[in-house]
C-alpha cells in the first residue's frame, strides 16, 4: 500500500500523465524529429510539440536536446524512454493476457471423471480441447458419481462426467443449479470367466444365468446401477445370487477372472483389456445407460463455456 504522504507529494504531479504521452515521446525519438513523428502519429505537429513540452515540465527535465539536428535524446531522456518502452510493453502484455483470460484461452478447469468416460470419450475430448486451447490447465479427478455431485454443489468441481441415473436418484436440494448434457449411451454386457460354460455363445439370455453367482455393485454406493441389474434379473425370472460386492470395475474384473462369479457391467468395460474374462451381449432388451456432463448453471467461467462447446461437438 502506497504511503499517503508519498502518494500526495510524489505522484500528484503525475496524475495527468497518460500512456499516450510516452508514445509521443518515443515516436519523436525514433523518428528523430517532431515533423516526422507527427506524420507517423497522424496528429498536428504543433499539438505534438506542446504535449512534449508539457511532459517535460511534469517530469522536471528535458527529454530532447533541441540544439542538435537530427534531434537527439538527453541522457535523462534516454533513461526515461528506455523505461517508458518497458512500461508500454508490459501494459500491452497485461491487456493481451487479460483478453485471453476473458476469452477462456487461459485458466484452469477442475473436472470429475469416472471409468465410463475414461474408457470412451475422454481421450477425444482432451485432444480436441487442447488443440484449440493449449494454454488451459485441465485438472482431472477420478471420483465416484456421488462425490462428483457433492463437489459440484460445493463449487469444488467445474464439470463432472457420470451416468445420468446417479444424478436422478440422489436427493438434491430445491435450490440446485446443476444441469447436464448427454455425451453417449451404452448398454450393459455380461462378463464371464474365460472358461465359463457359456463363452461359446456371443449373445446370452439372462434366464441362462439364474443359477450363477454374481459380483454386484453395493447398494450403498451404486444404488442406481444395482437397482437396474436387480430389475433385469427379476424380469428374467430370478433374483441374482450374490457372491461378492465390489464398487470398482477393476476389482470386479479381477474377481470374475478369478472364477468367483459373473457380472453385468456398462459396455465401456470392453475397452479395458483384462486377461481371464470375456464379454457377451444380453439377448433381452436392456435399459441404456446414459453418460452425461454435469455443471452448475451459475458457473460463468469462459473456460467452462469453451469446454462445453468442445464436448457438445463431440457428443
C-alpha atoms as a PDB file:
ATOM      1  CA  UNK A   1       0.000   0.000   0.000  1.00  0.00           C
ATOM      2  CA  UNK A   2       1.359   3.429  -1.002  1.00  0.00           C
ATOM      3  CA  UNK A   3       2.199   5.770   1.872  1.00  0.00           C
ATOM      4  CA  UNK A   4      -0.374   8.631   1.688  1.00  0.00           C
ATOM      5  CA  UNK A   5       2.316  11.270   2.177  1.00  0.00           C
ATOM      6  CA  UNK A   6       4.430   9.770  -0.606  1.00  0.00           C
ATOM      7  CA  UNK A   7       1.398   9.468  -2.821  1.00  0.00           C
ATOM      8  CA  UNK A   8       0.290  13.063  -2.329  1.00  0.00           C
ATOM      9  CA  UNK A   9       3.770  14.536  -2.609  1.00  0.00           C
ATOM     10  CA  UNK A  10       5.500  12.467  -5.256  1.00  0.00           C
ATOM     11  CA  UNK A  11       2.724  11.240  -7.503  1.00  0.00           C
ATOM     12  CA  UNK A  12       0.366  14.216  -7.574  1.00  0.00           C
ATOM     13  CA  UNK A  13       2.363  15.775 -10.423  1.00  0.00           C
ATOM     14  CA  UNK A  14       1.835  12.657 -12.497  1.00  0.00           C
ATOM     15  CA  UNK A  15      -1.932  12.382 -12.156  1.00  0.00           C
ATOM     16  CA  UNK A  16      -2.491  13.707 -15.683  1.00  0.00           C
ATOM     17  CA  UNK A  17       0.274  11.654 -17.278  1.00  0.00           C
ATOM     18  CA  UNK A  18      -1.120   9.174 -19.807  1.00  0.00           C
ATOM     19  CA  UNK A  19       0.339   6.373 -21.875  1.00  0.00           C
ATOM     20  CA  UNK A  20      -0.111   8.486 -24.993  1.00  0.00           C
ATOM     21  CA  UNK A  21       2.495  10.930 -23.684  1.00  0.00           C
ATOM     22  CA  UNK A  22       5.004   8.085 -23.539  1.00  0.00           C
ATOM     23  CA  UNK A  23       4.056   7.058 -27.075  1.00  0.00           C
ATOM     24  CA  UNK A  24       4.507  10.632 -28.303  1.00  0.00           C
ATOM     25  CA  UNK A  25       7.979  10.890 -26.777  1.00  0.00           C
ATOM     26  CA  UNK A  26       9.051   7.505 -28.152  1.00  0.00           C
ATOM     27  CA  UNK A  27       7.809   8.453 -31.646  1.00  0.00           C
ATOM     28  CA  UNK A  28       9.753  11.733 -31.602  1.00  0.00           C
ATOM     29  CA  UNK A  29      12.875   9.854 -30.538  1.00  0.00           C
ATOM     30  CA  UNK A  30      12.547   7.100 -33.131  1.00  0.00           C
ATOM     31  CA  UNK A  31      11.650   9.490 -35.985  1.00  0.00           C
ATOM     32  CA  UNK A  32      14.384  11.946 -34.830  1.00  0.00           C
ATOM     33  CA  UNK A  33      12.141  14.944 -35.104  1.00  0.00           C
ATOM     34  CA  UNK A  34       8.708  16.419 -34.485  1.00  0.00           C
ATOM     35  CA  UNK A  35       7.687  16.688 -38.154  1.00  0.00           C
ATOM     36  CA  UNK A  36       8.225  13.006 -38.986  1.00  0.00           C
ATOM     37  CA  UNK A  37       6.747  11.905 -35.646  1.00  0.00           C
ATOM     38  CA  UNK A  38       3.614  13.994 -36.207  1.00  0.00           C
ATOM     39  CA  UNK A  39       3.108  12.431 -39.644  1.00  0.00           C
ATOM     40  CA  UNK A  40       3.640   8.954 -38.164  1.00  0.00           C
ATOM     41  CA  UNK A  41       1.192   9.610 -35.303  1.00  0.00           C
ATOM     42  CA  UNK A  42      -1.255  11.380 -37.635  1.00  0.00           C
ATOM     43  CA  UNK A  43      -1.560  14.390 -35.336  1.00  0.00           C
ATOM     44  CA  UNK A  44      -0.761  18.106 -35.690  1.00  0.00           C
ATOM     45  CA  UNK A  45       2.935  18.967 -35.251  1.00  0.00           C
ATOM     46  CA  UNK A  46       2.164  21.970 -33.066  1.00  0.00           C
ATOM     47  CA  UNK A  47      -0.026  19.829 -30.800  1.00  0.00           C
ATOM     48  CA  UNK A  48       2.742  17.236 -30.549  1.00  0.00           C
ATOM     49  CA  UNK A  49       5.333  19.859 -29.625  1.00  0.00           C
ATOM     50  CA  UNK A  50       3.079  21.250 -26.874  1.00  0.00           C
ATOM     51  CA  UNK A  51       2.470  17.730 -25.480  1.00  0.00           C
ATOM     52  CA  UNK A  52       6.198  17.001 -25.264  1.00  0.00           C
ATOM     53  CA  UNK A  53       6.860  20.358 -23.548  1.00  0.00           C
ATOM     54  CA  UNK A  54       4.029  19.606 -21.109  1.00  0.00           C
ATOM     55  CA  UNK A  55       5.548  16.177 -20.394  1.00  0.00           C
ATOM     56  CA  UNK A  56       8.994  17.636 -19.802  1.00  0.00           C
ATOM     57  CA  UNK A  57       7.521  20.178 -17.393  1.00  0.00           C
ATOM     58  CA  UNK A  58       5.705  17.437 -15.482  1.00  0.00           C
ATOM     59  CA  UNK A  59       8.725  15.159 -15.106  1.00  0.00           C
ATOM     60  CA  UNK A  60      11.132  18.038 -14.396  1.00  0.00           C
ATOM     61  CA  UNK A  61      13.789  17.503 -17.088  1.00  0.00           C
ATOM     62  CA  UNK A  62      14.263  17.802 -20.846  1.00  0.00           C
ATOM     63  CA  UNK A  63      13.923  14.698 -22.970  1.00  0.00           C
ATOM     64  CA  UNK A  64      15.474  16.114 -26.148  1.00  0.00           C
ATOM     65  CA  UNK A  65      18.470  18.217 -26.983  1.00  0.00           C
ATOM     66  CA  UNK A  66      16.853  20.645 -29.405  1.00  0.00           C
ATOM     67  CA  UNK A  67      20.211  22.169 -30.318  1.00  0.00           C
ATOM     68  CA  UNK A  68      21.205  19.175 -32.451  1.00  0.00           C
ATOM     69  CA  UNK A  69      19.926  18.073 -35.840  1.00  0.00           C
ATOM     70  CA  UNK A  70      18.713  15.438 -36.160  1.00  0.00           C
ATOM     71  CA  UNK A  71      17.043  15.646 -32.759  1.00  0.00           C
ATOM     72  CA  UNK A  72      18.814  13.655 -30.058  1.00  0.00           C
ATOM     73  CA  UNK A  73      17.907  12.494 -26.560  1.00  0.00           C
ATOM     74  CA  UNK A  74      19.441  13.915 -23.427  1.00  0.00           C
ATOM     75  CA  UNK A  75      20.998  11.406 -21.021  1.00  0.00           C
ATOM     76  CA  UNK A  76      17.936  11.705 -18.794  1.00  0.00           C
ATOM     77  CA  UNK A  77      15.678  11.355 -21.822  1.00  0.00           C
ATOM     78  CA  UNK A  78      17.471   8.161 -22.865  1.00  0.00           C
ATOM     79  CA  UNK A  79      16.907   6.610 -19.430  1.00  0.00           C
ATOM     80  CA  UNK A  80      13.299   7.762 -19.312  1.00  0.00           C
ATOM     81  CA  UNK A  81      12.333   6.411 -22.743  1.00  0.00           C
ATOM     82  CA  UNK A  82      14.077   3.110 -22.093  1.00  0.00           C
ATOM     83  CA  UNK A  83      11.803   2.632 -19.077  1.00  0.00           C
ATOM     84  CA  UNK A  84       8.817   4.062 -20.987  1.00  0.00           C
ATOM     85  CA  UNK A  85       9.181   1.362 -23.659  1.00  0.00           C
ATOM     86  CA  UNK A  86       9.120  -1.298 -20.938  1.00  0.00           C
ATOM     87  CA  UNK A  87       6.002   0.262 -19.419  1.00  0.00           C
ATOM     88  CA  UNK A  88       4.178   0.214 -22.759  1.00  0.00           C
ATOM     89  CA  UNK A  89       5.292  -3.353 -23.469  1.00  0.00           C
ATOM     90  CA  UNK A  90       4.167  -4.520 -20.020  1.00  0.00           C
ATOM     91  CA  UNK A  91       0.852  -2.730 -20.462  1.00  0.00           C
ATOM     92  CA  UNK A  92       0.275  -4.382 -23.849  1.00  0.00           C
ATOM     93  CA  UNK A  93       1.209  -7.768 -22.372  1.00  0.00           C
ATOM     94  CA  UNK A  94      -1.180  -7.238 -19.447  1.00  0.00           C
ATOM     95  CA  UNK A  95      -4.008  -6.328 -21.809  1.00  0.00           C
ATOM     96  CA  UNK A  96      -3.312  -9.338 -24.033  1.00  0.00           C
ATOM     97  CA  UNK A  97      -3.187 -11.705 -21.042  1.00  0.00           C
ATOM     98  CA  UNK A  98      -6.452 -10.308 -19.686  1.00  0.00           C
ATOM     99  CA  UNK A  99      -8.118 -10.536 -23.097  1.00  0.00           C
ATOM    100  CA  UNK A 100      -7.030 -14.163 -23.450  1.00  0.00           C
ATOM    101  CA  UNK A 101      -8.379 -14.907 -19.978  1.00  0.00           C
ATOM    102  CA  UNK A 102     -11.685 -13.210 -20.836  1.00  0.00           C
ATOM    103  CA  UNK A 103     -11.936 -15.437 -23.926  1.00  0.00           C
ATOM    104  CA  UNK A 104     -11.218 -18.559 -21.874  1.00  0.00           C
ATOM    105  CA  UNK A 105      -7.890 -19.194 -23.611  1.00  0.00           C
ATOM    106  CA  UNK A 106      -6.036 -19.407 -20.302  1.00  0.00           C
ATOM    107  CA  UNK A 107      -7.045 -20.567 -16.841  1.00  0.00           C
ATOM    108  CA  UNK A 108      -7.893 -23.815 -15.110  1.00  0.00           C
ATOM    109  CA  UNK A 109     -10.794 -26.263 -15.135  1.00  0.00           C
ATOM    110  CA  UNK A 110     -11.445 -28.881 -12.433  1.00  0.00           C
ATOM    111  CA  UNK A 111     -13.056 -31.950 -13.990  1.00  0.00           C
ATOM    112  CA  UNK A 112     -14.556 -35.027 -12.343  1.00  0.00           C
ATOM    113  CA  UNK A 113     -14.324 -38.270 -14.302  1.00  0.00           C
ATOM    114  CA  UNK A 114     -15.271 -41.914 -13.850  1.00  0.00           C
ATOM    115  CA  UNK A 115     -14.211 -45.121 -15.570  1.00  0.00           C
ATOM    116  CA  UNK A 116     -17.010 -44.957 -18.129  1.00  0.00           C
ATOM    117  CA  UNK A 117     -15.996 -41.609 -19.613  1.00  0.00           C
ATOM    118  CA  UNK A 118     -12.298 -42.513 -19.357  1.00  0.00           C
ATOM    119  CA  UNK A 119     -12.946 -45.689 -21.375  1.00  0.00           C
ATOM    120  CA  UNK A 120     -14.954 -43.885 -24.069  1.00  0.00           C
ATOM    121  CA  UNK A 121     -14.961 -40.196 -24.987  1.00  0.00           C
ATOM    122  CA  UNK A 122     -12.351 -38.702 -22.663  1.00  0.00           C
ATOM    123  CA  UNK A 123      -9.294 -39.117 -24.948  1.00  0.00           C
ATOM    124  CA  UNK A 124     -11.154 -37.456 -27.853  1.00  0.00           C
ATOM    125  CA  UNK A 125     -12.397 -34.640 -25.593  1.00  0.00           C
ATOM    126  CA  UNK A 126      -8.917 -33.877 -24.240  1.00  0.00           C
ATOM    127  CA  UNK A 127      -7.318 -33.960 -27.682  1.00  0.00           C
ATOM    128  CA  UNK A 128      -9.960 -31.693 -29.251  1.00  0.00           C
ATOM    129  CA  UNK A 129      -9.844 -29.202 -26.380  1.00  0.00           C
ATOM    130  CA  UNK A 130      -6.046 -28.930 -26.228  1.00  0.00           C
ATOM    131  CA  UNK A 131      -5.876 -28.374 -29.989  1.00  0.00           C
ATOM    132  CA  UNK A 132      -7.959 -25.210 -29.507  1.00  0.00           C
ATOM    133  CA  UNK A 133      -6.857 -24.133 -26.018  1.00  0.00           C
ATOM    134  CA  UNK A 134      -3.329 -25.436 -25.348  1.00  0.00           C
ATOM    135  CA  UNK A 135      -2.680 -22.979 -22.503  1.00  0.00           C
ATOM    136  CA  UNK A 136      -5.642 -24.009 -20.333  1.00  0.00           C
ATOM    137  CA  UNK A 137      -4.873 -26.321 -17.416  1.00  0.00           C
ATOM    138  CA  UNK A 138      -7.307 -29.240 -17.147  1.00  0.00           C
ATOM    139  CA  UNK A 139      -7.145 -30.945 -13.739  1.00  0.00           C
ATOM    140  CA  UNK A 140      -8.836 -34.356 -13.666  1.00  0.00           C
ATOM    141  CA  UNK A 141     -10.160 -36.064 -10.539  1.00  0.00           C
ATOM    142  CA  UNK A 142     -11.231 -39.720 -10.541  1.00  0.00           C
ATOM    143  CA  UNK A 143     -14.334 -39.695  -8.353  1.00  0.00           C
ATOM    144  CA  UNK A 144     -17.480 -41.715  -7.800  1.00  0.00           C
ATOM    145  CA  UNK A 145     -20.686 -40.092  -9.042  1.00  0.00           C
ATOM    146  CA  UNK A 146     -21.959 -39.100  -5.595  1.00  0.00           C
ATOM    147  CA  UNK A 147     -18.597 -37.464  -4.794  1.00  0.00           C
ATOM    148  CA  UNK A 148     -18.723 -35.520  -8.041  1.00  0.00           C
ATOM    149  CA  UNK A 149     -22.245 -34.284  -7.337  1.00  0.00           C
ATOM    150  CA  UNK A 150     -21.259 -33.133  -3.866  1.00  0.00           C
ATOM    151  CA  UNK A 151     -18.191 -31.288  -5.151  1.00  0.00           C
ATOM    152  CA  UNK A 152     -20.179 -29.683  -7.964  1.00  0.00           C
ATOM    153  CA  UNK A 153     -22.686 -28.385  -5.432  1.00  0.00           C
ATOM    154  CA  UNK A 154     -19.847 -27.024  -3.285  1.00  0.00           C
ATOM    155  CA  UNK A 155     -18.207 -25.453  -6.371  1.00  0.00           C
ATOM    156  CA  UNK A 156     -15.109 -27.600  -5.937  1.00  0.00           C
ATOM    157  CA  UNK A 157     -15.552 -29.029  -9.448  1.00  0.00           C
ATOM    158  CA  UNK A 158     -16.398 -27.120 -12.612  1.00  0.00           C
ATOM    159  CA  UNK A 159     -17.795 -30.095 -14.521  1.00  0.00           C
ATOM    160  CA  UNK A 160     -18.220 -33.829 -13.980  1.00  0.00           C
ATOM    161  CA  UNK A 161     -18.874 -36.934 -16.072  1.00  0.00           C
ATOM    162  CA  UNK A 162     -21.005 -39.821 -14.822  1.00  0.00           C
ATOM    163  CA  UNK A 163     -24.184 -41.819 -15.534  1.00  0.00           C
ATOM    164  CA  UNK A 164     -27.425 -39.843 -15.590  1.00  0.00           C
ATOM    165  CA  UNK A 165     -29.259 -42.252 -13.286  1.00  0.00           C
ATOM    166  CA  UNK A 166     -26.906 -41.253 -10.463  1.00  0.00           C
ATOM    167  CA  UNK A 167     -27.974 -37.635 -10.837  1.00  0.00           C
ATOM    168  CA  UNK A 168     -31.650 -38.574 -10.978  1.00  0.00           C
ATOM    169  CA  UNK A 169     -31.587 -40.807  -7.904  1.00  0.00           C
ATOM    170  CA  UNK A 170     -29.641 -38.645  -5.472  1.00  0.00           C
ATOM    171  CA  UNK A 171     -31.557 -36.266  -3.208  1.00  0.00           C
ATOM    172  CA  UNK A 172     -30.659 -32.753  -4.328  1.00  0.00           C
ATOM    173  CA  UNK A 173     -31.959 -29.613  -2.618  1.00  0.00           C
ATOM    174  CA  UNK A 174     -34.591 -27.484  -4.341  1.00  0.00           C
ATOM    175  CA  UNK A 175     -32.110 -24.677  -4.886  1.00  0.00           C
ATOM    176  CA  UNK A 176     -29.993 -26.998  -7.021  1.00  0.00           C
ATOM    177  CA  UNK A 177     -28.450 -25.377 -10.071  1.00  0.00           C
ATOM    178  CA  UNK A 178     -26.958 -28.458 -11.730  1.00  0.00           C
ATOM    179  CA  UNK A 179     -27.619 -29.010 -15.405  1.00  0.00           C
ATOM    180  CA  UNK A 180     -26.402 -31.697 -17.799  1.00  0.00           C
ATOM    181  CA  UNK A 181     -25.539 -32.572 -21.394  1.00  0.00           C
ATOM    182  CA  UNK A 182     -25.815 -36.062 -22.851  1.00  0.00           C
ATOM    183  CA  UNK A 183     -22.474 -37.467 -24.004  1.00  0.00           C
ATOM    184  CA  UNK A 184     -23.282 -41.039 -25.053  1.00  0.00           C
ATOM    185  CA  UNK A 185     -25.465 -44.046 -24.316  1.00  0.00           C
ATOM    186  CA  UNK A 186     -24.318 -47.577 -23.635  1.00  0.00           C
ATOM    187  CA  UNK A 187     -25.818 -50.925 -22.742  1.00  0.00           C
ATOM    188  CA  UNK A 188     -24.912 -53.476 -20.098  1.00  0.00           C
ATOM    189  CA  UNK A 189     -22.822 -56.505 -21.037  1.00  0.00           C
ATOM    190  CA  UNK A 190     -22.308 -59.877 -19.378  1.00  0.00           C
ATOM    191  CA  UNK A 191     -18.809 -60.511 -18.021  1.00  0.00           C
ATOM    192  CA  UNK A 192     -17.782 -64.181 -17.737  1.00  0.00           C
ATOM    193  CA  UNK A 193     -14.629 -66.089 -16.717  1.00  0.00           C
ATOM    194  CA  UNK A 194     -12.816 -67.130 -19.897  1.00  0.00           C
ATOM    195  CA  UNK A 195     -13.560 -70.851 -19.325  1.00  0.00           C
ATOM    196  CA  UNK A 196     -17.225 -70.397 -18.439  1.00  0.00           C
ATOM    197  CA  UNK A 197     -19.712 -72.887 -19.929  1.00  0.00           C
ATOM    198  CA  UNK A 198     -21.480 -70.090 -21.884  1.00  0.00           C
ATOM    199  CA  UNK A 199     -18.482 -68.425 -23.546  1.00  0.00           C
ATOM    200  CA  UNK A 200     -19.250 -70.046 -26.918  1.00  0.00           C
ATOM    201  CA  UNK A 201     -22.457 -68.015 -27.131  1.00  0.00           C
ATOM    202  CA  UNK A 202     -21.978 -64.483 -28.428  1.00  0.00           C
ATOM    203  CA  UNK A 203     -25.355 -63.397 -27.068  1.00  0.00           C
ATOM    204  CA  UNK A 204     -26.773 -64.851 -23.847  1.00  0.00           C
ATOM    205  CA  UNK A 205     -30.248 -64.835 -22.346  1.00  0.00           C
ATOM    206  CA  UNK A 206     -30.366 -63.583 -18.785  1.00  0.00           C
ATOM    207  CA  UNK A 207     -32.509 -66.579 -17.875  1.00  0.00           C
ATOM    208  CA  UNK A 208     -29.467 -68.793 -18.506  1.00  0.00           C
ATOM    209  CA  UNK A 209     -27.727 -67.021 -15.607  1.00  0.00           C
ATOM    210  CA  UNK A 210     -30.332 -67.887 -12.967  1.00  0.00           C
ATOM    211  CA  UNK A 211     -28.048 -70.272 -11.073  1.00  0.00           C
ATOM    212  CA  UNK A 212     -24.866 -68.191 -11.411  1.00  0.00           C
ATOM    213  CA  UNK A 213     -23.107 -66.374  -8.595  1.00  0.00           C
ATOM    214  CA  UNK A 214     -22.889 -62.623  -9.227  1.00  0.00           C
ATOM    215  CA  UNK A 215     -20.313 -59.970  -8.447  1.00  0.00           C
ATOM    216  CA  UNK A 216     -22.556 -56.930  -7.913  1.00  0.00           C
ATOM    217  CA  UNK A 217     -22.074 -53.246  -7.066  1.00  0.00           C
ATOM    218  CA  UNK A 218     -23.031 -52.446  -3.468  1.00  0.00           C
ATOM    219  CA  UNK A 219     -26.411 -50.823  -2.800  1.00  0.00           C
ATOM    220  CA  UNK A 220     -24.799 -48.282  -0.500  1.00  0.00           C
ATOM    221  CA  UNK A 221     -22.501 -46.843  -3.180  1.00  0.00           C
ATOM    222  CA  UNK A 222     -24.007 -47.597  -6.593  1.00  0.00           C
ATOM    223  CA  UNK A 223     -27.698 -47.895  -5.822  1.00  0.00           C
ATOM    224  CA  UNK A 224     -28.964 -46.977  -9.307  1.00  0.00           C
ATOM    225  CA  UNK A 225     -26.796 -49.469 -11.205  1.00  0.00           C
ATOM    226  CA  UNK A 226     -27.503 -52.198  -8.675  1.00  0.00           C
ATOM    227  CA  UNK A 227     -31.231 -51.484  -8.910  1.00  0.00           C
ATOM    228  CA  UNK A 228     -31.176 -51.773 -12.701  1.00  0.00           C
ATOM    229  CA  UNK A 229     -29.304 -55.083 -12.557  1.00  0.00           C
ATOM    230  CA  UNK A 230     -31.727 -56.465  -9.954  1.00  0.00           C
ATOM    231  CA  UNK A 231     -34.728 -55.439 -12.082  1.00  0.00           C
ATOM    232  CA  UNK A 232     -33.268 -57.041 -15.210  1.00  0.00           C
ATOM    233  CA  UNK A 233     -32.726 -60.337 -13.433  1.00  0.00           C
ATOM    234  CA  UNK A 234     -36.169 -60.288 -11.797  1.00  0.00           C
ATOM    235  CA  UNK A 235     -37.762 -59.642 -15.211  1.00  0.00           C
ATOM    236  CA  UNK A 236     -35.853 -62.708 -16.448  1.00  0.00           C
ATOM    237  CA  UNK A 237     -37.415 -64.786 -13.659  1.00  0.00           C
ATOM    238  CA  UNK A 238     -34.823 -64.860 -10.891  1.00  0.00           C
ATOM    239  CA  UNK A 239     -33.168 -62.838  -8.163  1.00  0.00           C
ATOM    240  CA  UNK A 240     -29.382 -62.689  -8.568  1.00  0.00           C
ATOM    241  CA  UNK A 241     -27.342 -64.717  -6.105  1.00  0.00           C
ATOM    242  CA  UNK A 242     -24.634 -62.529  -4.641  1.00  0.00           C
ATOM    243  CA  UNK A 243     -21.154 -63.998  -4.239  1.00  0.00           C
ATOM    244  CA  UNK A 244     -19.351 -60.698  -3.633  1.00  0.00           C
ATOM    245  CA  UNK A 245     -19.953 -56.951  -3.786  1.00  0.00           C
ATOM    246  CA  UNK A 246     -17.386 -54.650  -5.393  1.00  0.00           C
ATOM    247  CA  UNK A 247     -17.570 -50.982  -6.420  1.00  0.00           C
ATOM    248  CA  UNK A 248     -14.573 -50.592  -8.724  1.00  0.00           C
ATOM    249  CA  UNK A 249     -14.641 -52.100 -12.215  1.00  0.00           C
ATOM    250  CA  UNK A 250     -11.014 -53.233 -11.959  1.00  0.00           C
ATOM    251  CA  UNK A 251     -11.904 -55.184  -8.807  1.00  0.00           C
ATOM    252  CA  UNK A 252     -14.982 -56.731 -10.427  1.00  0.00           C
ATOM    253  CA  UNK A 253     -12.942 -57.886 -13.428  1.00  0.00           C
ATOM    254  CA  UNK A 254     -10.302 -59.416 -11.159  1.00  0.00           C
ATOM    255  CA  UNK A 255     -12.946 -61.341  -9.212  1.00  0.00           C
ATOM    256  CA  UNK A 256     -14.587 -62.612 -12.393  1.00  0.00           C
ATOM    257  CA  UNK A 257     -11.192 -63.607 -13.825  1.00  0.00           C
ATOM    258  CA  UNK A 258     -10.526 -65.467 -10.585  1.00  0.00           C
ATOM    259  CA  UNK A 259     -13.682 -67.537 -11.048  1.00  0.00           C
ATOM    260  CA  UNK A 260     -15.647 -66.075  -8.135  1.00  0.00           C
ATOM    261  CA  UNK A 261     -18.668 -65.289 -10.279  1.00  0.00           C
ATOM    262  CA  UNK A 262     -20.048 -63.338 -13.216  1.00  0.00           C
ATOM    263  CA  UNK A 263     -21.013 -59.676 -13.572  1.00  0.00           C
ATOM    264  CA  UNK A 264     -23.126 -57.204 -15.507  1.00  0.00           C
ATOM    265  CA  UNK A 265     -21.221 -54.014 -16.316  1.00  0.00           C
ATOM    266  CA  UNK A 266     -21.549 -50.965 -18.595  1.00  0.00           C
ATOM    267  CA  UNK A 267     -20.418 -51.772 -22.147  1.00  0.00           C
ATOM    268  CA  UNK A 268     -17.410 -49.434 -21.970  1.00  0.00           C
ATOM    269  CA  UNK A 269     -15.684 -52.096 -19.865  1.00  0.00           C
ATOM    270  CA  UNK A 270     -14.894 -53.842 -23.164  1.00  0.00           C
ATOM    271  CA  UNK A 271     -12.339 -51.097 -23.819  1.00  0.00           C
ATOM    272  CA  UNK A 272     -10.409 -52.296 -20.766  1.00  0.00           C
ATOM    273  CA  UNK A 273      -8.373 -55.365 -21.779  1.00  0.00           C
ATOM    274  CA  UNK A 274      -8.355 -57.935 -18.971  1.00  0.00           C
ATOM    275  CA  UNK A 275      -6.863 -61.409 -19.174  1.00  0.00           C
ATOM    276  CA  UNK A 276      -9.189 -64.131 -17.939  1.00  0.00           C
ATOM    277  CA  UNK A 277     -12.576 -62.590 -18.815  1.00  0.00           C
ATOM    278  CA  UNK A 278     -14.844 -62.461 -21.873  1.00  0.00           C
ATOM    279  CA  UNK A 279     -17.703 -60.110 -22.704  1.00  0.00           C
ATOM    280  CA  UNK A 280     -21.052 -61.153 -24.132  1.00  0.00           C
ATOM    281  CA  UNK A 281     -24.160 -59.195 -25.119  1.00  0.00           C
ATOM    282  CA  UNK A 282     -27.576 -59.638 -23.475  1.00  0.00           C
ATOM    283  CA  UNK A 283     -30.302 -61.172 -25.645  1.00  0.00           C
ATOM    284  CA  UNK A 284     -33.126 -59.356 -23.892  1.00  0.00           C
ATOM    285  CA  UNK A 285     -33.810 -55.665 -24.329  1.00  0.00           C
ATOM    286  CA  UNK A 286     -31.940 -53.859 -21.578  1.00  0.00           C
ATOM    287  CA  UNK A 287     -32.100 -50.195 -20.498  1.00  0.00           C
ATOM    288  CA  UNK A 288     -29.476 -47.886 -21.962  1.00  0.00           C
ATOM    289  CA  UNK A 289     -27.118 -46.175 -19.553  1.00  0.00           C
ATOM    290  CA  UNK A 290     -26.603 -42.502 -20.395  1.00  0.00           C
ATOM    291  CA  UNK A 291     -23.302 -40.772 -19.629  1.00  0.00           C
ATOM    292  CA  UNK A 292     -23.706 -37.040 -19.076  1.00  0.00           C
ATOM    293  CA  UNK A 293     -21.569 -33.990 -18.427  1.00  0.00           C
ATOM    294  CA  UNK A 294     -22.861 -32.048 -15.395  1.00  0.00           C
ATOM    295  CA  UNK A 295     -22.071 -28.491 -14.290  1.00  0.00           C
ATOM    296  CA  UNK A 296     -23.560 -25.603 -12.324  1.00  0.00           C
ATOM    297  CA  UNK A 297     -25.752 -23.219 -14.296  1.00  0.00           C
ATOM    298  CA  UNK A 298     -24.330 -20.298 -12.342  1.00  0.00           C
ATOM    299  CA  UNK A 299     -20.729 -21.079 -13.321  1.00  0.00           C
ATOM    300  CA  UNK A 300     -19.859 -18.241 -15.723  1.00  0.00           C
ATOM    301  CA  UNK A 301     -16.303 -19.376 -16.470  1.00  0.00           C
ATOM    302  CA  UNK A 302     -15.366 -18.825 -20.130  1.00  0.00           C
ATOM    303  CA  UNK A 303     -13.036 -21.823 -19.868  1.00  0.00           C
ATOM    304  CA  UNK A 304     -16.043 -23.951 -18.916  1.00  0.00           C
ATOM    305  CA  UNK A 305     -18.072 -22.463 -21.758  1.00  0.00           C
ATOM    306  CA  UNK A 306     -15.330 -23.359 -24.248  1.00  0.00           C
ATOM    307  CA  UNK A 307     -15.016 -26.851 -22.782  1.00  0.00           C
ATOM    308  CA  UNK A 308     -18.769 -27.410 -23.068  1.00  0.00           C
ATOM    309  CA  UNK A 309     -18.642 -26.307 -26.712  1.00  0.00           C
ATOM    310  CA  UNK A 310     -15.949 -28.887 -27.432  1.00  0.00           C
ATOM    311  CA  UNK A 311     -17.792 -31.760 -25.755  1.00  0.00           C
ATOM    312  CA  UNK A 312     -21.014 -30.642 -27.423  1.00  0.00           C
ATOM    313  CA  UNK A 313     -19.388 -31.025 -30.834  1.00  0.00           C
ATOM    314  CA  UNK A 314     -18.164 -34.499 -29.915  1.00  0.00           C
ATOM    315  CA  UNK A 315     -21.346 -35.723 -28.201  1.00  0.00           C
END
